[in-house]
Amino acid sequence: MSSPSASPGARRCGGPDWTPDSAAAAARRHGIHLTPAHWQILGCAREECLRTRHLPDASVLARRTGVARAEIEALFPGGARRVIAEIAGMRPLRRAPDARRRDGMFHEAPKEP
Protein backbone atom coordinates (compact mmCIF):
# COMPACT_ATOMS: atom_id res chain seq x y z
CA MET A 1 0.00 0.00 0.00
CA SER A 2 1.34 3.46 -0.86
CA SER A 3 1.85 6.08 1.81
CA PRO A 4 -1.09 8.47 2.30
CA SER A 5 1.08 11.49 1.55
CA ALA A 6 1.67 10.18 -1.98
CA SER A 7 -1.90 10.75 -3.17
CA PRO A 8 -3.48 14.07 -4.16
CA GLY A 9 -6.16 13.44 -1.53
CA ALA A 10 -3.50 13.13 1.16
CA ARG A 11 -1.91 16.41 0.13
CA ARG A 12 -5.34 18.06 0.22
CA CYS A 13 -5.96 16.54 3.64
CA GLY A 14 -2.86 17.72 5.44
CA GLY A 15 0.05 15.91 3.87
CA PRO A 16 3.51 15.39 5.32
CA ASP A 17 4.01 19.03 6.39
CA TRP A 18 1.17 18.90 8.95
CA THR A 19 2.10 18.27 12.58
CA PRO A 20 0.29 18.70 15.88
CA ASP A 21 2.59 21.69 16.51
CA SER A 22 1.55 23.32 13.23
CA ALA A 23 -2.09 22.68 14.21
CA ALA A 24 -1.54 24.36 17.58
CA ALA A 25 0.10 27.36 15.88
CA ALA A 26 -2.79 27.68 13.41
CA ALA A 27 -5.29 27.41 16.27
CA ARG A 28 -3.50 30.19 18.19
CA ARG A 29 -3.90 32.46 15.14
CA HIS A 30 -7.65 31.95 15.59
CA GLY A 31 -7.49 32.48 19.35
CA ILE A 32 -8.18 28.80 20.01
CA HIS A 33 -6.42 26.67 22.63
CA LEU A 34 -6.76 23.06 21.46
CA THR A 35 -8.50 20.75 23.92
CA PRO A 36 -9.25 17.02 23.62
CA ALA A 37 -12.63 17.96 22.06
CA HIS A 38 -10.83 19.98 19.35
CA TRP A 39 -8.45 17.09 18.65
CA GLN A 40 -11.39 14.68 18.34
CA ILE A 41 -12.99 16.88 15.67
CA LEU A 42 -9.69 17.53 13.87
CA GLY A 43 -8.84 13.82 13.81
CA CYS A 44 -12.25 12.94 12.44
CA ALA A 45 -12.03 15.69 9.79
CA ARG A 46 -8.61 14.44 8.65
CA GLU A 47 -9.80 10.81 8.54
CA GLU A 48 -12.91 11.75 6.57
CA CYS A 49 -10.86 13.84 4.17
CA LEU A 50 -8.41 11.01 3.57
CA ARG A 51 -11.26 8.51 3.17
CA THR A 52 -13.43 10.61 0.84
CA ARG A 53 -10.86 13.13 -0.51
CA HIS A 54 -13.26 15.90 0.54
CA LEU A 55 -13.53 18.06 3.62
CA PRO A 56 -16.65 17.20 5.65
CA ASP A 57 -18.92 19.93 6.94
CA ALA A 58 -19.94 20.34 10.59
CA SER A 59 -23.05 18.16 10.18
CA VAL A 60 -21.00 15.20 8.98
CA LEU A 61 -18.47 15.72 11.77
CA ALA A 62 -21.31 15.87 14.30
CA ARG A 63 -22.73 12.56 13.07
CA ARG A 64 -19.32 10.86 13.00
CA THR A 65 -18.15 12.08 16.42
CA GLY A 66 -21.39 12.43 18.39
CA VAL A 67 -20.48 16.04 19.18
CA ALA A 68 -23.38 18.43 18.53
CA ARG A 69 -23.02 20.69 15.50
CA ALA A 70 -23.54 23.75 17.71
CA GLU A 71 -20.66 22.61 19.93
CA ILE A 72 -18.41 22.10 16.89
CA GLU A 73 -19.23 25.61 15.71
CA ALA A 74 -18.52 26.96 19.22
CA LEU A 75 -15.19 25.10 19.34
CA PHE A 76 -14.17 26.55 15.97
CA PRO A 77 -15.69 30.06 15.80
CA GLY A 78 -15.55 32.13 12.65
CA GLY A 79 -16.69 29.43 10.22
CA ALA A 80 -16.13 25.95 11.60
CA ARG A 81 -15.42 24.30 8.25
CA ARG A 82 -12.87 26.91 7.20
CA VAL A 83 -11.17 27.04 10.61
CA ILE A 84 -11.05 23.23 10.90
CA ALA A 85 -9.52 23.02 7.43
CA GLU A 86 -6.82 25.52 8.32
CA ILE A 87 -5.94 23.98 11.68
CA ALA A 88 -6.00 20.43 10.30
CA GLY A 89 -3.63 21.48 7.51
CA MET A 90 -6.14 20.83 4.76
CA ARG A 91 -6.01 22.71 1.51
CA PRO A 92 -8.88 25.20 1.59
CA LEU A 93 -11.73 24.30 -0.71
CA ARG A 94 -14.14 26.78 -2.22
CA ARG A 95 -17.78 25.89 -1.89
CA ALA A 96 -19.44 26.01 -5.30
CA PRO A 97 -23.19 26.74 -5.38
CA ASP A 98 -23.88 23.28 -6.81
CA ALA A 99 -21.32 21.50 -4.65
CA ARG A 100 -23.65 20.27 -1.89
CA ARG A 101 -24.33 16.58 -2.13
CA ARG A 102 -26.71 14.35 -0.28
CA ASP A 103 -23.85 12.94 1.84
CA GLY A 104 -23.17 16.39 3.34
CA MET A 105 -19.72 16.70 1.80
CA PHE A 106 -18.46 19.67 -0.13
CA HIS A 107 -16.27 19.25 -3.13
CA GLU A 108 -13.64 21.37 -4.72
CA ALA A 109 -15.11 23.97 -7.05
CA PRO A 110 -13.88 24.00 -10.64
CA LYS A 111 -10.71 26.00 -11.06
CA GLU A 112 -11.01 29.26 -12.92
CA PRO A 113 -8.82 29.48 -16.04
C-alpha atoms as a PDB file:
ATOM      1  CA  MET A   1       0.000   0.000   0.000  1.00  0.00           C
ATOM      2  CA  SER A   2       1.338   3.456  -0.860  1.00  0.00           C
ATOM      3  CA  SER A   3       1.846   6.081   1.809  1.00  0.00           C
ATOM      4  CA  PRO A   4      -1.095   8.469   2.303  1.00  0.00           C
ATOM      5  CA  SER A   5       1.076  11.490   1.546  1.00  0.00           C
ATOM      6  CA  ALA A   6       1.674  10.181  -1.985  1.00  0.00           C
ATOM      7  CA  SER A   7      -1.897  10.750  -3.171  1.00  0.00           C
ATOM      8  CA  PRO A   8      -3.480  14.070  -4.164  1.00  0.00           C
ATOM      9  CA  GLY A   9      -6.158  13.445  -1.534  1.00  0.00           C
ATOM     10  CA  ALA A  10      -3.503  13.129   1.160  1.00  0.00           C
ATOM     11  CA  ARG A  11      -1.906  16.412   0.127  1.00  0.00           C
ATOM     12  CA  ARG A  12      -5.337  18.060   0.221  1.00  0.00           C
ATOM     13  CA  CYS A  13      -5.961  16.535   3.644  1.00  0.00           C
ATOM     14  CA  GLY A  14      -2.856  17.722   5.444  1.00  0.00           C
ATOM     15  CA  GLY A  15       0.048  15.913   3.865  1.00  0.00           C
ATOM     16  CA  PRO A  16       3.515  15.391   5.322  1.00  0.00           C
ATOM     17  CA  ASP A  17       4.006  19.026   6.395  1.00  0.00           C
ATOM     18  CA  TRP A  18       1.171  18.901   8.952  1.00  0.00           C
ATOM     19  CA  THR A  19       2.100  18.267  12.576  1.00  0.00           C
ATOM     20  CA  PRO A  20       0.289  18.703  15.879  1.00  0.00           C
ATOM     21  CA  ASP A  21       2.586  21.687  16.512  1.00  0.00           C
ATOM     22  CA  SER A  22       1.545  23.316  13.227  1.00  0.00           C
ATOM     23  CA  ALA A  23      -2.087  22.682  14.208  1.00  0.00           C
ATOM     24  CA  ALA A  24      -1.542  24.363  17.577  1.00  0.00           C
ATOM     25  CA  ALA A  25       0.096  27.361  15.883  1.00  0.00           C
ATOM     26  CA  ALA A  26      -2.786  27.675  13.406  1.00  0.00           C
ATOM     27  CA  ALA A  27      -5.285  27.409  16.275  1.00  0.00           C
ATOM     28  CA  ARG A  28      -3.502  30.186  18.188  1.00  0.00           C
ATOM     29  CA  ARG A  29      -3.903  32.455  15.143  1.00  0.00           C
ATOM     30  CA  HIS A  30      -7.654  31.949  15.587  1.00  0.00           C
ATOM     31  CA  GLY A  31      -7.492  32.483  19.349  1.00  0.00           C
ATOM     32  CA  ILE A  32      -8.175  28.799  20.011  1.00  0.00           C
ATOM     33  CA  HIS A  33      -6.415  26.669  22.635  1.00  0.00           C
ATOM     34  CA  LEU A  34      -6.756  23.064  21.464  1.00  0.00           C
ATOM     35  CA  THR A  35      -8.498  20.754  23.917  1.00  0.00           C
ATOM     36  CA  PRO A  36      -9.251  17.018  23.617  1.00  0.00           C
ATOM     37  CA  ALA A  37     -12.628  17.956  22.062  1.00  0.00           C
ATOM     38  CA  HIS A  38     -10.832  19.976  19.353  1.00  0.00           C
ATOM     39  CA  TRP A  39      -8.447  17.092  18.646  1.00  0.00           C
ATOM     40  CA  GLN A  40     -11.391  14.681  18.339  1.00  0.00           C
ATOM     41  CA  ILE A  41     -12.995  16.882  15.667  1.00  0.00           C
ATOM     42  CA  LEU A  42      -9.688  17.532  13.871  1.00  0.00           C
ATOM     43  CA  GLY A  43      -8.845  13.820  13.815  1.00  0.00           C
ATOM     44  CA  CYS A  44     -12.252  12.940  12.437  1.00  0.00           C
ATOM     45  CA  ALA A  45     -12.026  15.685   9.790  1.00  0.00           C
ATOM     46  CA  ARG A  46      -8.612  14.438   8.655  1.00  0.00           C
ATOM     47  CA  GLU A  47      -9.797  10.812   8.538  1.00  0.00           C
ATOM     48  CA  GLU A  48     -12.910  11.752   6.569  1.00  0.00           C
ATOM     49  CA  CYS A  49     -10.856  13.843   4.175  1.00  0.00           C
ATOM     50  CA  LEU A  50      -8.413  11.005   3.574  1.00  0.00           C
ATOM     51  CA  ARG A  51     -11.255   8.513   3.169  1.00  0.00           C
ATOM     52  CA  THR A  52     -13.429  10.611   0.840  1.00  0.00           C
ATOM     53  CA  ARG A  53     -10.863  13.126  -0.507  1.00  0.00           C
ATOM     54  CA  HIS A  54     -13.264  15.897   0.539  1.00  0.00           C
ATOM     55  CA  LEU A  55     -13.533  18.057   3.625  1.00  0.00           C
ATOM     56  CA  PRO A  56     -16.648  17.199   5.649  1.00  0.00           C
ATOM     57  CA  ASP A  57     -18.920  19.933   6.940  1.00  0.00           C
ATOM     58  CA  ALA A  58     -19.936  20.336  10.593  1.00  0.00           C
ATOM     59  CA  SER A  59     -23.054  18.164  10.183  1.00  0.00           C
ATOM     60  CA  VAL A  60     -21.000  15.205   8.983  1.00  0.00           C
ATOM     61  CA  LEU A  61     -18.466  15.717  11.769  1.00  0.00           C
ATOM     62  CA  ALA A  62     -21.310  15.870  14.300  1.00  0.00           C
ATOM     63  CA  ARG A  63     -22.729  12.558  13.067  1.00  0.00           C
ATOM     64  CA  ARG A  64     -19.318  10.861  13.003  1.00  0.00           C
ATOM     65  CA  THR A  65     -18.152  12.081  16.425  1.00  0.00           C
ATOM     66  CA  GLY A  66     -21.385  12.426  18.391  1.00  0.00           C
ATOM     67  CA  VAL A  67     -20.476  16.043  19.176  1.00  0.00           C
ATOM     68  CA  ALA A  68     -23.377  18.429  18.534  1.00  0.00           C
ATOM     69  CA  ARG A  69     -23.015  20.686  15.503  1.00  0.00           C
ATOM     70  CA  ALA A  70     -23.536  23.754  17.706  1.00  0.00           C
ATOM     71  CA  GLU A  71     -20.657  22.611  19.932  1.00  0.00           C
ATOM     72  CA  ILE A  72     -18.406  22.102  16.886  1.00  0.00           C
ATOM     73  CA  GLU A  73     -19.233  25.607  15.712  1.00  0.00           C
ATOM     74  CA  ALA A  74     -18.519  26.957  19.216  1.00  0.00           C
ATOM     75  CA  LEU A  75     -15.193  25.101  19.344  1.00  0.00           C
ATOM     76  CA  PHE A  76     -14.168  26.553  15.967  1.00  0.00           C
ATOM     77  CA  PRO A  77     -15.695  30.058  15.801  1.00  0.00           C
ATOM     78  CA  GLY A  78     -15.552  32.127  12.648  1.00  0.00           C
ATOM     79  CA  GLY A  79     -16.691  29.434  10.224  1.00  0.00           C
ATOM     80  CA  ALA A  80     -16.128  25.947  11.601  1.00  0.00           C
ATOM     81  CA  ARG A  81     -15.420  24.304   8.248  1.00  0.00           C
ATOM     82  CA  ARG A  82     -12.865  26.907   7.198  1.00  0.00           C
ATOM     83  CA  VAL A  83     -11.165  27.038  10.608  1.00  0.00           C
ATOM     84  CA  ILE A  84     -11.046  23.231  10.899  1.00  0.00           C
ATOM     85  CA  ALA A  85      -9.522  23.023   7.428  1.00  0.00           C
ATOM     86  CA  GLU A  86      -6.818  25.522   8.316  1.00  0.00           C
ATOM     87  CA  ILE A  87      -5.943  23.980  11.684  1.00  0.00           C
ATOM     88  CA  ALA A  88      -6.001  20.429  10.301  1.00  0.00           C
ATOM     89  CA  GLY A  89      -3.629  21.481   7.514  1.00  0.00           C
ATOM     90  CA  MET A  90      -6.141  20.832   4.757  1.00  0.00           C
ATOM     91  CA  ARG A  91      -6.011  22.708   1.513  1.00  0.00           C
ATOM     92  CA  PRO A  92      -8.879  25.199   1.593  1.00  0.00           C
ATOM     93  CA  LEU A  93     -11.725  24.304  -0.708  1.00  0.00           C
ATOM     94  CA  ARG A  94     -14.144  26.778  -2.215  1.00  0.00           C
ATOM     95  CA  ARG A  95     -17.779  25.894  -1.893  1.00  0.00           C
ATOM     96  CA  ALA A  96     -19.437  26.007  -5.296  1.00  0.00           C
ATOM     97  CA  PRO A  97     -23.187  26.735  -5.380  1.00  0.00           C
ATOM     98  CA  ASP A  98     -23.880  23.280  -6.810  1.00  0.00           C
ATOM     99  CA  ALA A  99     -21.317  21.495  -4.649  1.00  0.00           C
ATOM    100  CA  ARG A 100     -23.654  20.273  -1.885  1.00  0.00           C
ATOM    101  CA  ARG A 101     -24.330  16.582  -2.129  1.00  0.00           C
ATOM    102  CA  ARG A 102     -26.709  14.351  -0.276  1.00  0.00           C
ATOM    103  CA  ASP A 103     -23.853  12.936   1.838  1.00  0.00           C
ATOM    104  CA  GLY A 104     -23.170  16.388   3.344  1.00  0.00           C
ATOM    105  CA  MET A 105     -19.724  16.705   1.803  1.00  0.00           C
ATOM    106  CA  PHE A 106     -18.464  19.674  -0.128  1.00  0.00           C
ATOM    107  CA  HIS A 107     -16.271  19.247  -3.129  1.00  0.00           C
ATOM    108  CA  GLU A 108     -13.640  21.370  -4.719  1.00  0.00           C
ATOM    109  CA  ALA A 109     -15.113  23.969  -7.046  1.00  0.00           C
ATOM    110  CA  PRO A 110     -13.877  23.999 -10.637  1.00  0.00           C
ATOM    111  CA  LYS A 111     -10.712  26.002 -11.056  1.00  0.00           C
ATOM    112  CA  GLU A 112     -11.013  29.261 -12.919  1.00  0.00           C
ATOM    113  CA  PRO A 113      -8.824  29.477 -16.038  1.00  0.00           C
END
